Amino acid sequence: MADIPAIEVRKVGVSFNGVPVLEDVSFTVQKGEFLSVVGPNGGGKTTILKIILGLLKPDAGEVRIFGKPPEKAREHFGYMPQYTLFDPRFPVSVIDVVLMGLLRTGRSSFFSKDERTVSLSALETVGMAGFSRSSFSSLSSGQRQRVLLARSLVSSPEILLLDEPTASVDMEIENRLYGILQALNRHMTILMVTHDLGFVSRIVKSCLCVNRRVVVHPTCEINGQLIREIYGSDLRMVRHDEISGAGAGTNG
């Protein structure tokens, strides 16, 4: 498996109600990379995550995860969605939220002592072990984000997918989250959707720029015409020295 890319997306196209969302999308993510996915709202970033996870079947092209179709590779993934809806009146504890990351179809609803130990370890990784018995609803936004990250880690994934993990958190919590992700990247592949290019450019070598089509770029601070074309405004966040997205690896 060492020579097989972690993620391969080949000539993928996706349309909703006849409107193209992704067209002729191809890129490769090698094992151990940390790749950020950037682009305007509605450009197709979350759609890319869904086809990688196998939650959405493309109209054209194919996706391979360590050489397998996504629906046969779900054990490789940890996923942290952008939003998690919950009823604040529901008395779920922090440890219960993390244990949800171990739920699988057909399994018992009871968790073993070993699974609780693993869940506490995941909370320790994100600095939240001391809150295991706390009510999830009592936490701050940043603390909830770290608990949801622990939930995505509890199954020991090889690939971590994150959709806007720093949304609605302050700079201090953002810095803490990125420090955790840097440490995790030592032993897992990370693909992260984000708008926070200025900060991400310090820790990510490449960006997958998505606006219906995709191009892979090295990351650094300059502005330019391609940034304006992608976002529709001047941003001083990413250097766009184009690398062909079609079949291109993302090694910086």
Protein backbone atom coordinates (compact mmCIF):
# COMPACT_ATOMS: atom_id res chain seq x y z
CA MET A 1 0.00 0.00 0.00
CA ALA A 2 3.01 2.27 0.46
CA ASP A 3 3.24 3.00 -3.30
CA ILE A 4 -0.51 3.50 -3.79
CA PRO A 5 -1.79 7.07 -3.43
CA ALA A 6 -4.02 7.72 -0.44
CA ILE A 7 -6.58 9.48 -2.68
CA GLU A 8 -6.96 9.47 -6.47
CA VAL A 9 -9.68 11.51 -8.19
CA ARG A 10 -9.82 10.97 -11.95
CA LYS A 11 -11.84 13.13 -14.36
CA VAL A 12 -14.75 13.48 -11.95
CA GLY A 13 -17.87 15.43 -12.87
CA VAL A 14 -20.85 16.20 -10.63
CA SER A 15 -24.08 18.04 -11.47
CA PHE A 16 -27.07 18.98 -9.34
CA ASN A 17 -30.37 19.42 -11.21
CA GLY A 18 -28.44 19.69 -14.45
CA VAL A 19 -26.11 22.42 -13.15
CA PRO A 20 -22.40 21.44 -13.16
CA VAL A 21 -20.75 21.67 -9.74
CA LEU A 22 -17.49 19.89 -10.60
CA GLU A 23 -16.07 19.38 -14.10
CA ASP A 24 -13.17 17.17 -15.17
CA VAL A 25 -11.63 17.14 -11.67
CA SER A 26 -8.40 15.16 -11.28
CA PHE A 27 -5.86 15.20 -8.47
CA THR A 28 -3.78 12.86 -6.34
CA VAL A 29 -3.00 12.99 -2.63
CA GLN A 30 -0.04 10.91 -1.51
CA LYS A 31 0.10 9.17 1.85
CA GLY A 32 1.29 11.54 4.59
CA GLU A 33 0.41 14.79 2.81
CA PHE A 34 -1.43 17.73 4.35
CA LEU A 35 -3.49 19.41 1.64
CA SER A 36 -5.84 22.36 2.06
CA VAL A 37 -8.91 22.74 -0.18
CA VAL A 38 -9.78 26.38 -0.90
CA GLY A 39 -12.17 28.29 -3.08
CA PRO A 40 -15.31 30.43 -3.06
CA ASN A 41 -18.59 29.38 -1.44
CA GLY A 42 -20.48 27.13 -3.85
CA GLY A 43 -17.30 26.27 -5.75
CA GLY A 44 -17.51 22.54 -4.95
CA LYS A 45 -15.22 22.10 -1.92
CA THR A 46 -17.65 20.14 0.25
CA THR A 47 -18.80 18.17 -2.80
CA ILE A 48 -15.24 16.95 -3.24
CA LEU A 49 -15.20 15.68 0.35
CA LYS A 50 -18.51 13.87 -0.20
CA ILE A 51 -17.31 12.02 -3.29
CA ILE A 52 -14.08 11.02 -1.50
CA LEU A 53 -16.12 9.67 1.42
CA GLY A 54 -18.45 7.81 -0.95
CA LEU A 55 -21.47 9.83 0.24
CA LEU A 56 -22.02 11.12 -3.29
CA LYS A 57 -21.53 9.20 -6.53
CA PRO A 58 -20.06 11.29 -9.34
CA ASP A 59 -21.80 11.49 -12.71
CA ALA A 60 -18.48 10.86 -14.45
CA GLY A 61 -15.00 9.68 -13.53
CA GLU A 62 -13.85 7.64 -10.54
CA VAL A 63 -12.36 7.93 -7.07
CA ARG A 64 -9.92 5.50 -5.44
CA ILE A 65 -8.84 5.37 -1.80
CA PHE A 66 -5.66 3.30 -1.46
CA GLY A 67 -6.72 1.72 -4.75
CA LYS A 68 -10.27 0.88 -3.61
CA PRO A 69 -13.66 2.48 -4.27
CA PRO A 70 -14.69 4.84 -1.43
CA GLU A 71 -17.55 2.62 -0.27
CA LYS A 72 -15.03 -0.18 0.36
CA ALA A 73 -12.49 2.07 2.10
CA ARG A 74 -14.50 3.78 4.81
CA GLU A 75 -12.45 2.23 7.57
CA HIS A 76 -9.56 4.44 6.42
CA PHE A 77 -11.43 7.71 7.12
CA GLY A 78 -11.98 10.06 9.99
CA TYR A 79 -14.36 12.89 9.12
CA MET A 80 -15.12 16.16 10.90
CA PRO A 81 -18.09 17.94 9.24
CA GLN A 82 -18.51 21.69 9.12
CA TYR A 83 -21.66 21.70 11.22
CA THR A 84 -23.04 19.32 13.80
CA LEU A 85 -26.66 19.87 14.75
CA PHE A 86 -27.60 18.90 18.28
CA ASP A 87 -30.33 19.65 20.77
CA PRO A 88 -28.70 21.52 23.70
CA ARG A 89 -31.36 20.03 25.98
CA PHE A 90 -30.21 16.48 25.18
CA PRO A 91 -27.95 15.30 28.04
CA VAL A 92 -25.06 13.88 26.02
CA SER A 93 -21.63 13.89 27.62
CA VAL A 94 -18.32 14.64 25.94
CA ILE A 95 -17.20 10.99 26.13
CA ASP A 96 -20.51 9.90 24.56
CA VAL A 97 -19.95 12.24 21.60
CA VAL A 98 -16.49 10.77 21.01
CA LEU A 99 -17.79 7.19 21.32
CA MET A 100 -20.21 7.95 18.46
CA GLY A 101 -17.17 7.84 16.19
CA LEU A 102 -17.03 4.07 16.81
CA LEU A 103 -20.61 3.37 15.80
CA ARG A 104 -20.98 1.01 12.88
CA THR A 105 -24.02 -0.58 11.25
CA GLY A 106 -25.03 -3.80 12.98
CA ARG A 107 -22.96 -3.34 16.13
CA SER A 108 -24.26 -3.35 19.69
CA SER A 109 -25.13 0.00 21.24
CA PHE A 110 -22.95 -0.85 24.25
CA PHE A 111 -19.32 0.22 24.31
CA SER A 112 -16.56 -1.84 25.87
CA LYS A 113 -14.05 -0.70 28.46
CA ASP A 114 -11.34 -0.76 25.78
CA GLU A 115 -13.42 1.51 23.53
CA ARG A 116 -13.89 3.97 26.36
CA THR A 117 -10.13 3.92 26.96
CA VAL A 118 -9.51 4.65 23.27
CA SER A 119 -12.03 7.50 23.41
CA LEU A 120 -10.30 9.03 26.43
CA SER A 121 -7.00 8.76 24.54
CA ALA A 122 -8.53 10.67 21.60
CA LEU A 123 -9.69 13.37 24.00
CA GLU A 124 -6.19 13.50 25.48
CA THR A 125 -4.80 14.07 21.98
CA VAL A 126 -6.91 17.21 21.58
CA GLY A 127 -6.43 18.41 25.16
CA MET A 128 -9.98 17.67 26.33
CA ALA A 129 -9.58 14.57 28.55
CA GLY A 130 -10.45 16.60 31.65
CA PHE A 131 -13.91 17.32 30.18
CA SER A 132 -14.92 13.70 29.45
CA ARG A 133 -17.82 13.73 31.92
CA SER A 134 -18.96 17.27 31.06
CA SER A 135 -22.11 17.98 29.12
CA PHE A 136 -21.31 18.65 25.46
CA SER A 137 -23.79 21.54 25.44
CA SER A 138 -21.89 23.28 28.25
CA LEU A 139 -18.72 23.64 26.19
CA SER A 140 -17.53 26.68 24.28
CA SER A 141 -17.43 26.62 20.47
CA GLY A 142 -13.69 25.93 20.46
CA GLN A 143 -14.03 23.10 22.98
CA ARG A 144 -16.81 21.52 20.93
CA GLN A 145 -14.61 21.66 17.84
CA ARG A 146 -11.86 19.80 19.67
CA VAL A 147 -14.32 17.16 20.91
CA LEU A 148 -15.61 16.66 17.35
CA LEU A 149 -12.02 16.32 16.19
CA ALA A 150 -11.51 13.63 18.86
CA ARG A 151 -14.61 11.85 17.53
CA SER A 152 -13.05 11.77 14.05
CA LEU A 153 -9.80 10.35 15.50
CA VAL A 154 -11.22 7.63 17.75
CA SER A 155 -11.21 4.97 15.01
CA SER A 156 -7.48 5.58 14.29
CA PRO A 157 -8.00 6.67 10.65
CA GLU A 158 -5.27 6.81 8.03
CA ILE A 159 -6.95 9.75 6.27
CA LEU A 160 -8.49 12.69 8.12
CA LEU A 161 -11.01 14.88 6.27
CA LEU A 162 -12.04 18.19 7.82
CA ASP A 163 -14.63 20.68 6.59
CA GLU A 164 -13.90 24.18 7.97
CA PRO A 165 -12.58 22.99 11.36
CA THR A 166 -11.85 26.56 12.53
CA ALA A 167 -15.24 28.05 11.68
CA SER A 168 -16.62 30.21 14.51
CA VAL A 169 -13.57 29.95 16.77
CA ASP A 170 -11.19 32.67 17.91
CA MET A 171 -7.51 32.97 16.96
CA GLU A 172 -6.23 31.29 20.13
CA ILE A 173 -8.37 28.18 19.58
CA GLU A 174 -7.52 28.24 15.87
CA ASN A 175 -3.80 28.18 16.66
CA ARG A 176 -4.32 25.29 19.08
CA LEU A 177 -6.29 23.29 16.50
CA TYR A 178 -3.64 23.79 13.83
CA GLY A 179 -0.94 22.69 16.27
CA ILE A 180 -2.90 19.50 16.91
CA LEU A 181 -3.30 18.92 13.17
CA GLN A 182 0.42 19.39 12.55
CA ALA A 183 1.15 16.70 15.14
CA LEU A 184 -1.47 14.36 13.63
CA ASN A 185 0.03 14.81 10.17
CA ARG A 186 3.12 12.92 11.33
CA HIS A 187 1.15 9.69 11.03
CA MET A 188 -1.91 10.40 8.89
CA THR A 189 -2.92 12.06 5.63
CA ILE A 190 -4.98 15.23 6.08
CA LEU A 191 -7.33 16.94 3.62
CA MET A 192 -8.84 20.14 5.03
CA VAL A 193 -11.40 22.54 3.56
CA THR A 194 -10.74 26.06 4.81
CA HIS A 195 -11.04 29.74 4.00
CA ASP A 196 -8.20 30.64 6.35
CA LEU A 197 -5.40 30.70 3.78
CA GLY A 198 -3.17 33.18 5.54
CA PHE A 199 -2.70 30.91 8.53
CA VAL A 200 -2.76 27.60 6.68
CA SER A 201 0.07 28.74 4.40
CA ARG A 202 2.45 28.27 7.35
CA ILE A 203 1.75 24.56 7.72
CA VAL A 204 0.48 23.32 4.33
CA LYS A 205 2.69 23.02 1.27
CA SER A 206 -0.07 22.81 -1.34
CA CYS A 207 -3.59 24.06 -1.93
CA LEU A 208 -6.27 22.43 -4.04
CA CYS A 209 -8.04 25.48 -5.47
CA VAL A 210 -11.64 24.63 -6.37
CA ASN A 211 -14.06 26.61 -8.45
CA ARG A 212 -15.94 23.93 -10.43
CA ARG A 213 -12.56 22.85 -11.81
CA VAL A 214 -9.43 22.32 -9.71
CA VAL A 215 -5.77 23.27 -9.89
CA VAL A 216 -3.08 22.37 -7.34
CA HIS A 217 -0.82 25.23 -6.27
CA PRO A 218 2.14 25.63 -3.91
CA THR A 219 1.24 27.71 -0.90
CA CYS A 220 2.84 31.01 0.10
CA GLU A 221 2.02 34.69 0.43
CA ILE A 222 1.54 36.75 -2.71
CA ASN A 223 -1.49 38.14 -4.45
CA GLY A 224 -2.22 37.95 -8.14
CA GLN A 225 -4.69 37.58 -10.97
CA LEU A 226 -5.43 33.92 -10.30
CA ILE A 227 -6.49 34.67 -6.73
CA ARG A 228 -8.86 37.33 -8.01
CA GLU A 229 -10.23 34.89 -10.57
CA ILE A 230 -10.94 32.28 -7.91
CA TYR A 231 -12.32 34.54 -5.17
CA GLY A 232 -13.44 37.60 -7.08
CA SER A 233 -11.34 39.92 -4.89
CA ASP A 234 -7.77 40.68 -3.90
CA LEU A 235 -6.38 38.31 -1.28
CA ARG A 236 -2.77 38.16 -0.15
CA MET A 237 -2.69 34.54 0.85
CA VAL A 238 -1.57 32.03 -1.78
CA ARG A 239 1.00 31.95 -4.56
CA HIS A 240 -0.51 30.36 -7.67
CA ASP A 241 2.43 28.88 -9.57
CA GLU A 242 0.29 26.42 -11.42
CA ILE A 243 0.92 22.72 -11.19
CA SER A 244 -1.30 20.68 -13.45
CA GLY A 245 -4.22 19.36 -11.41
CA ALA A 246 -4.71 16.43 -13.78
CA GLY A 247 -2.93 13.54 -12.10
CA ALA A 248 -0.61 15.90 -10.28
CA GLY A 249 0.72 14.93 -6.90
CA THR A 250 0.71 17.50 -4.15
CA ASN A 251 4.22 17.09 -2.84
CA GLY A 252 5.60 20.63 -2.41
